[in-house]
């Protein structure tokens, strides 16, 4: 479930950046998994919740289980052919989170990837 409480003071534009980039990455991962493993089930889940004074957005998706992590940023590296012009989605999400005194976390559990975005609302 994705619910945006009325008392959260976060601009819709920033929510759009987070959701657009998060979903774009999730769709790309599911497409790649479907091509590599046609019989596998793919999924994308989007949810939000509040915990104390923090607002969380989570995008969870299936993926092939293989992830290359950038040693400097600690975040996954783009697998697109022109990786120099890609891979800015997570940075955009992180910048939005920082704008609201928050951060992001990338969690990998077997063939499940979870992008968790924390925002102070």
N, C-alpha and C. Protein backbone atom coordinates (compact mmCIF):
# COMPACT_ATOMS: atom_id res chain seq x y z
N UNK A 1 0.84 -1.19 0.00
CA UNK A 1 0.00 0.00 0.00
C UNK A 1 0.88 1.25 0.00
N UNK A 2 0.46 2.21 -0.78
CA UNK A 2 1.16 3.49 -0.78
C UNK A 2 0.18 4.55 -0.31
N UNK A 3 0.48 5.12 0.83
CA UNK A 3 -0.38 6.16 1.40
C UNK A 3 0.48 7.36 1.73
N UNK A 4 0.01 8.52 1.35
CA UNK A 4 0.71 9.77 1.64
C UNK A 4 -0.12 10.53 2.67
N UNK A 5 0.33 10.55 3.93
CA UNK A 5 -0.44 11.25 4.97
C UNK A 5 -0.54 12.74 4.69
N UNK A 6 -1.62 13.34 5.14
CA UNK A 6 -1.85 14.77 4.93
C UNK A 6 -0.84 15.65 5.65
N UNK A 7 -0.35 15.18 6.78
CA UNK A 7 0.53 16.02 7.60
C UNK A 7 2.01 15.94 7.22
N UNK A 8 2.33 15.24 6.13
CA UNK A 8 3.72 15.14 5.66
C UNK A 8 4.04 16.36 4.81
N UNK A 9 5.16 17.00 5.12
CA UNK A 9 5.55 18.21 4.42
C UNK A 9 6.67 17.90 3.41
N UNK A 10 6.31 17.13 2.39
CA UNK A 10 7.26 16.75 1.34
C UNK A 10 6.63 17.13 0.01
N UNK A 11 7.41 17.79 -0.83
CA UNK A 11 6.89 18.26 -2.12
C UNK A 11 6.57 17.08 -3.05
N UNK A 12 5.47 17.21 -3.76
CA UNK A 12 5.05 16.17 -4.71
C UNK A 12 6.13 15.93 -5.76
N UNK A 13 6.83 16.97 -6.17
CA UNK A 13 7.90 16.86 -7.16
C UNK A 13 8.97 15.87 -6.67
N UNK A 14 9.34 15.96 -5.39
CA UNK A 14 10.36 15.07 -4.84
C UNK A 14 9.85 13.64 -4.71
N UNK A 15 8.59 13.47 -4.35
CA UNK A 15 8.00 12.13 -4.32
C UNK A 15 8.04 11.55 -5.74
N UNK A 16 7.76 12.38 -6.73
CA UNK A 16 7.80 11.94 -8.13
C UNK A 16 9.19 11.48 -8.54
N UNK A 17 10.22 12.21 -8.14
CA UNK A 17 11.60 11.83 -8.46
C UNK A 17 11.92 10.47 -7.84
N UNK A 18 11.53 10.30 -6.59
CA UNK A 18 11.81 9.03 -5.89
C UNK A 18 11.09 7.87 -6.57
N UNK A 19 9.79 8.04 -6.81
CA UNK A 19 9.00 6.96 -7.41
C UNK A 19 9.42 6.69 -8.85
N UNK A 20 9.65 7.73 -9.63
CA UNK A 20 10.03 7.55 -11.03
C UNK A 20 11.35 6.79 -11.15
N UNK A 21 12.35 7.23 -10.44
CA UNK A 21 13.66 6.58 -10.52
C UNK A 21 13.63 5.18 -9.91
N UNK A 22 12.96 5.03 -8.77
CA UNK A 22 12.86 3.72 -8.12
C UNK A 22 12.13 2.70 -8.99
N UNK A 23 11.01 3.13 -9.58
CA UNK A 23 10.25 2.22 -10.44
C UNK A 23 10.97 1.93 -11.75
N UNK A 24 11.66 2.91 -12.30
CA UNK A 24 12.43 2.70 -13.52
C UNK A 24 13.48 1.63 -13.28
N UNK A 25 14.19 1.70 -12.17
CA UNK A 25 15.20 0.69 -11.84
C UNK A 25 14.56 -0.68 -11.63
N UNK A 26 13.41 -0.72 -10.95
CA UNK A 26 12.73 -1.99 -10.68
C UNK A 26 12.25 -2.63 -11.98
N UNK A 27 11.69 -1.83 -12.88
CA UNK A 27 11.21 -2.35 -14.16
C UNK A 27 12.37 -2.90 -14.98
N UNK A 28 13.47 -2.17 -15.01
CA UNK A 28 14.66 -2.62 -15.74
C UNK A 28 15.16 -3.96 -15.19
N UNK A 29 15.20 -4.09 -13.86
CA UNK A 29 15.67 -5.33 -13.23
C UNK A 29 14.74 -6.50 -13.56
N UNK A 30 13.44 -6.26 -13.55
CA UNK A 30 12.48 -7.32 -13.86
C UNK A 30 12.55 -7.73 -15.33
N UNK A 31 12.73 -6.76 -16.22
CA UNK A 31 12.87 -7.08 -17.65
C UNK A 31 14.11 -7.94 -17.88
N UNK A 32 15.21 -7.54 -17.25
CA UNK A 32 16.46 -8.28 -17.40
C UNK A 32 16.30 -9.71 -16.87
N UNK A 33 15.64 -9.85 -15.72
CA UNK A 33 15.43 -11.17 -15.14
C UNK A 33 14.55 -12.03 -16.05
N UNK A 34 13.52 -11.42 -16.61
CA UNK A 34 12.61 -12.17 -17.49
C UNK A 34 13.32 -12.65 -18.75
N UNK A 35 14.23 -11.84 -19.28
CA UNK A 35 15.00 -12.24 -20.47
C UNK A 35 15.95 -13.38 -20.13
N UNK A 36 16.64 -13.26 -19.00
CA UNK A 36 17.63 -14.27 -18.62
C UNK A 36 17.00 -15.56 -18.10
N UNK A 37 15.88 -15.42 -17.40
CA UNK A 37 15.19 -16.56 -16.80
C UNK A 37 13.70 -16.48 -17.13
N UNK A 38 13.30 -16.83 -18.35
CA UNK A 38 11.91 -16.66 -18.79
C UNK A 38 10.87 -17.34 -17.90
N UNK A 39 11.22 -18.42 -17.24
CA UNK A 39 10.25 -19.13 -16.41
C UNK A 39 10.10 -18.51 -15.01
N UNK A 40 10.95 -17.58 -14.68
CA UNK A 40 10.91 -16.99 -13.33
C UNK A 40 9.76 -16.00 -13.20
N UNK A 41 9.29 -15.86 -11.99
CA UNK A 41 8.23 -14.89 -11.69
C UNK A 41 8.89 -13.57 -11.31
N UNK A 42 8.38 -12.50 -11.86
CA UNK A 42 8.89 -11.17 -11.50
C UNK A 42 7.81 -10.41 -10.77
N UNK A 43 8.23 -9.47 -9.94
CA UNK A 43 7.28 -8.66 -9.20
C UNK A 43 7.87 -7.30 -8.85
N UNK A 44 6.99 -6.35 -8.65
CA UNK A 44 7.36 -5.03 -8.14
C UNK A 44 6.31 -4.65 -7.10
N UNK A 45 6.76 -4.16 -5.98
CA UNK A 45 5.86 -3.74 -4.91
C UNK A 45 6.29 -2.35 -4.43
N UNK A 46 5.31 -1.47 -4.25
CA UNK A 46 5.59 -0.12 -3.75
C UNK A 46 4.75 0.07 -2.50
N UNK A 47 5.37 0.54 -1.44
CA UNK A 47 4.64 0.79 -0.20
C UNK A 47 5.23 2.00 0.52
N UNK A 48 4.46 2.51 1.43
CA UNK A 48 4.94 3.63 2.26
C UNK A 48 4.38 3.44 3.66
N UNK A 49 5.07 4.03 4.61
CA UNK A 49 4.60 4.00 5.99
C UNK A 49 5.31 5.08 6.79
N UNK A 50 4.72 5.42 7.91
CA UNK A 50 5.32 6.40 8.82
C UNK A 50 5.79 5.68 10.07
N UNK A 51 6.91 6.12 10.58
CA UNK A 51 7.45 5.60 11.83
C UNK A 51 8.02 6.79 12.58
N UNK A 52 7.38 7.12 13.68
CA UNK A 52 7.69 8.33 14.44
C UNK A 52 7.55 9.54 13.52
N UNK A 53 8.58 10.34 13.37
CA UNK A 53 8.47 11.52 12.50
C UNK A 53 9.10 11.29 11.12
N UNK A 54 9.28 10.02 10.76
CA UNK A 54 9.90 9.67 9.48
C UNK A 54 8.86 9.05 8.55
N UNK A 55 8.99 9.36 7.26
CA UNK A 55 8.14 8.80 6.22
C UNK A 55 9.02 7.91 5.35
N UNK A 56 8.59 6.69 5.13
CA UNK A 56 9.37 5.72 4.36
C UNK A 56 8.65 5.38 3.06
N UNK A 57 9.42 5.27 1.99
CA UNK A 57 8.94 4.76 0.72
C UNK A 57 9.83 3.57 0.38
N UNK A 58 9.20 2.45 0.06
CA UNK A 58 9.96 1.27 -0.31
C UNK A 58 9.50 0.74 -1.66
N UNK A 59 10.48 0.48 -2.51
CA UNK A 59 10.23 -0.16 -3.80
C UNK A 59 10.97 -1.50 -3.74
N UNK A 60 10.21 -2.57 -3.85
CA UNK A 60 10.77 -3.91 -3.77
C UNK A 60 10.54 -4.61 -5.10
N UNK A 61 11.53 -5.32 -5.58
CA UNK A 61 11.39 -6.01 -6.85
C UNK A 61 12.27 -7.25 -6.92
N UNK A 62 11.88 -8.14 -7.82
CA UNK A 62 12.71 -9.30 -8.10
C UNK A 62 13.85 -8.85 -9.02
N UNK A 63 14.95 -9.58 -8.96
CA UNK A 63 16.06 -9.33 -9.88
C UNK A 63 16.89 -10.60 -9.97
N UNK A 64 17.83 -10.63 -10.88
CA UNK A 64 18.57 -11.87 -11.15
C UNK A 64 19.55 -12.29 -10.06
N UNK A 65 19.72 -11.47 -9.05
CA UNK A 65 20.59 -11.83 -7.93
C UNK A 65 22.03 -11.39 -8.08
N UNK A 66 22.36 -10.83 -9.24
CA UNK A 66 23.73 -10.38 -9.48
C UNK A 66 23.79 -8.87 -9.43
N UNK A 67 24.64 -8.35 -8.56
CA UNK A 67 24.73 -6.91 -8.37
C UNK A 67 26.19 -6.51 -8.27
N UNK A 68 26.56 -5.51 -9.03
CA UNK A 68 27.90 -4.93 -8.92
C UNK A 68 27.76 -3.65 -8.12
N UNK A 69 28.52 -3.53 -7.06
CA UNK A 69 28.43 -2.37 -6.17
C UNK A 69 29.61 -1.43 -6.44
N UNK A 70 29.32 -0.15 -6.59
CA UNK A 70 30.36 0.87 -6.75
C UNK A 70 31.08 1.02 -5.42
N UNK A 71 32.41 0.90 -5.44
CA UNK A 71 33.17 0.95 -4.20
C UNK A 71 33.14 2.33 -3.54
N UNK A 72 32.96 3.38 -4.33
CA UNK A 72 32.95 4.73 -3.76
C UNK A 72 31.59 5.08 -3.15
N UNK A 73 30.52 4.82 -3.88
CA UNK A 73 29.19 5.20 -3.40
C UNK A 73 28.55 4.13 -2.53
N UNK A 74 28.92 2.88 -2.76
CA UNK A 74 28.30 1.78 -2.03
C UNK A 74 26.96 1.36 -2.62
N UNK A 75 26.60 1.91 -3.78
CA UNK A 75 25.32 1.61 -4.41
C UNK A 75 25.53 0.80 -5.69
N UNK A 76 24.48 0.11 -6.13
CA UNK A 76 24.60 -0.69 -7.35
C UNK A 76 25.00 0.15 -8.56
N UNK A 77 25.76 -0.47 -9.45
CA UNK A 77 26.21 0.16 -10.69
C UNK A 77 25.21 -0.18 -11.78
N UNK A 78 24.95 0.78 -12.66
CA UNK A 78 24.04 0.57 -13.77
C UNK A 78 24.56 -0.54 -14.68
N UNK A 79 23.63 -1.36 -15.17
CA UNK A 79 24.00 -2.44 -16.09
C UNK A 79 23.68 -2.07 -17.53
N UNK A 80 23.21 -0.84 -17.74
CA UNK A 80 22.88 -0.40 -19.10
C UNK A 80 24.17 -0.26 -19.90
N UNK A 81 24.06 -0.43 -21.23
CA UNK A 81 25.24 -0.40 -22.10
C UNK A 81 26.02 0.90 -21.96
N UNK A 82 25.34 2.02 -21.97
CA UNK A 82 26.00 3.33 -21.83
C UNK A 82 25.96 3.75 -20.37
N UNK A 83 26.68 3.03 -19.52
CA UNK A 83 26.59 3.25 -18.09
C UNK A 83 27.07 4.63 -17.64
N UNK A 84 27.85 5.31 -18.47
CA UNK A 84 28.31 6.65 -18.08
C UNK A 84 27.18 7.66 -18.08
N UNK A 85 26.20 7.45 -18.96
CA UNK A 85 25.06 8.38 -19.01
C UNK A 85 23.88 7.86 -18.20
N UNK A 86 24.07 6.75 -17.50
CA UNK A 86 23.02 6.17 -16.66
C UNK A 86 23.57 6.03 -15.24
N UNK A 87 22.75 5.53 -14.36
CA UNK A 87 23.21 5.30 -13.00
C UNK A 87 23.05 6.50 -12.10
N UNK A 88 22.30 7.50 -12.54
CA UNK A 88 22.11 8.69 -11.71
C UNK A 88 20.80 8.62 -10.92
N UNK A 89 20.00 7.59 -11.17
CA UNK A 89 18.70 7.47 -10.49
C UNK A 89 18.83 7.39 -8.98
N UNK A 90 19.71 6.53 -8.49
CA UNK A 90 19.88 6.41 -7.04
C UNK A 90 20.47 7.68 -6.44
N UNK A 91 21.34 8.34 -7.20
CA UNK A 91 21.88 9.62 -6.70
C UNK A 91 20.78 10.66 -6.60
N UNK A 92 19.87 10.69 -7.59
CA UNK A 92 18.74 11.62 -7.53
C UNK A 92 17.85 11.33 -6.32
N UNK A 93 17.60 10.05 -6.08
CA UNK A 93 16.78 9.64 -4.94
C UNK A 93 17.47 10.04 -3.64
N UNK A 94 18.77 9.79 -3.56
CA UNK A 94 19.53 10.13 -2.35
C UNK A 94 19.51 11.64 -2.11
N UNK A 95 19.65 12.42 -3.17
CA UNK A 95 19.60 13.89 -3.03
C UNK A 95 18.24 14.35 -2.51
N UNK A 96 17.17 13.74 -2.98
CA UNK A 96 15.83 14.08 -2.47
C UNK A 96 15.73 13.71 -0.99
N UNK A 97 16.23 12.55 -0.63
CA UNK A 97 16.17 12.12 0.78
C UNK A 97 16.95 13.08 1.67
N UNK A 98 18.13 13.48 1.23
CA UNK A 98 18.95 14.41 2.03
C UNK A 98 18.26 15.75 2.21
N UNK A 99 17.49 16.16 1.21
CA UNK A 99 16.74 17.41 1.28
C UNK A 99 15.78 17.41 2.47
N UNK A 100 15.35 16.22 2.87
CA UNK A 100 14.41 16.06 3.99
C UNK A 100 15.08 15.35 5.16
N UNK A 101 16.37 15.57 5.33
CA UNK A 101 17.17 15.01 6.43
C UNK A 101 17.03 13.49 6.50
N UNK A 102 16.99 12.85 5.33
CA UNK A 102 16.84 11.40 5.27
C UNK A 102 17.98 10.75 4.53
N UNK A 103 17.76 9.51 4.14
CA UNK A 103 18.78 8.75 3.43
C UNK A 103 18.11 7.59 2.72
N UNK A 104 18.90 6.81 1.99
CA UNK A 104 18.38 5.63 1.32
C UNK A 104 19.18 4.41 1.75
N UNK A 105 18.57 3.26 1.55
CA UNK A 105 19.25 2.00 1.84
C UNK A 105 18.86 1.01 0.75
N UNK A 106 19.83 0.26 0.27
CA UNK A 106 19.59 -0.77 -0.73
C UNK A 106 19.81 -2.12 -0.04
N UNK A 107 18.77 -2.92 0.00
CA UNK A 107 18.80 -4.19 0.71
C UNK A 107 18.63 -5.31 -0.31
N UNK A 108 19.52 -6.30 -0.24
CA UNK A 108 19.45 -7.44 -1.14
C UNK A 108 19.20 -8.69 -0.31
N UNK A 109 18.14 -9.41 -0.67
CA UNK A 109 17.82 -10.68 -0.03
C UNK A 109 17.60 -11.71 -1.13
N UNK A 110 18.62 -12.54 -1.40
CA UNK A 110 18.59 -13.54 -2.45
C UNK A 110 18.29 -12.87 -3.79
N UNK A 111 17.11 -13.06 -4.36
CA UNK A 111 16.78 -12.45 -5.65
C UNK A 111 15.71 -11.38 -5.48
N UNK A 112 15.77 -10.70 -4.34
CA UNK A 112 14.85 -9.61 -4.04
C UNK A 112 15.67 -8.37 -3.69
N UNK A 113 15.33 -7.26 -4.32
CA UNK A 113 16.01 -5.98 -4.08
C UNK A 113 15.00 -5.03 -3.46
N UNK A 114 15.40 -4.36 -2.38
CA UNK A 114 14.53 -3.40 -1.71
C UNK A 114 15.24 -2.07 -1.64
N UNK A 115 14.62 -1.05 -2.22
CA UNK A 115 15.08 0.33 -2.09
C UNK A 115 14.24 0.94 -1.00
N UNK A 116 14.88 1.35 0.08
CA UNK A 116 14.17 1.98 1.18
C UNK A 116 14.61 3.44 1.28
N UNK A 117 13.64 4.34 1.20
CA UNK A 117 13.92 5.78 1.24
C UNK A 117 13.29 6.34 2.50
N UNK A 118 14.10 7.00 3.32
CA UNK A 118 13.65 7.58 4.57
C UNK A 118 13.66 9.09 4.46
N UNK A 119 12.54 9.71 4.78
CA UNK A 119 12.40 11.16 4.70
C UNK A 119 11.83 11.69 6.02
N UNK A 120 12.35 12.81 6.47
CA UNK A 120 11.78 13.42 7.67
C UNK A 120 10.69 14.36 7.20
N UNK A 121 9.47 14.08 7.61
CA UNK A 121 8.34 14.85 7.13
C UNK A 121 7.78 15.74 8.18
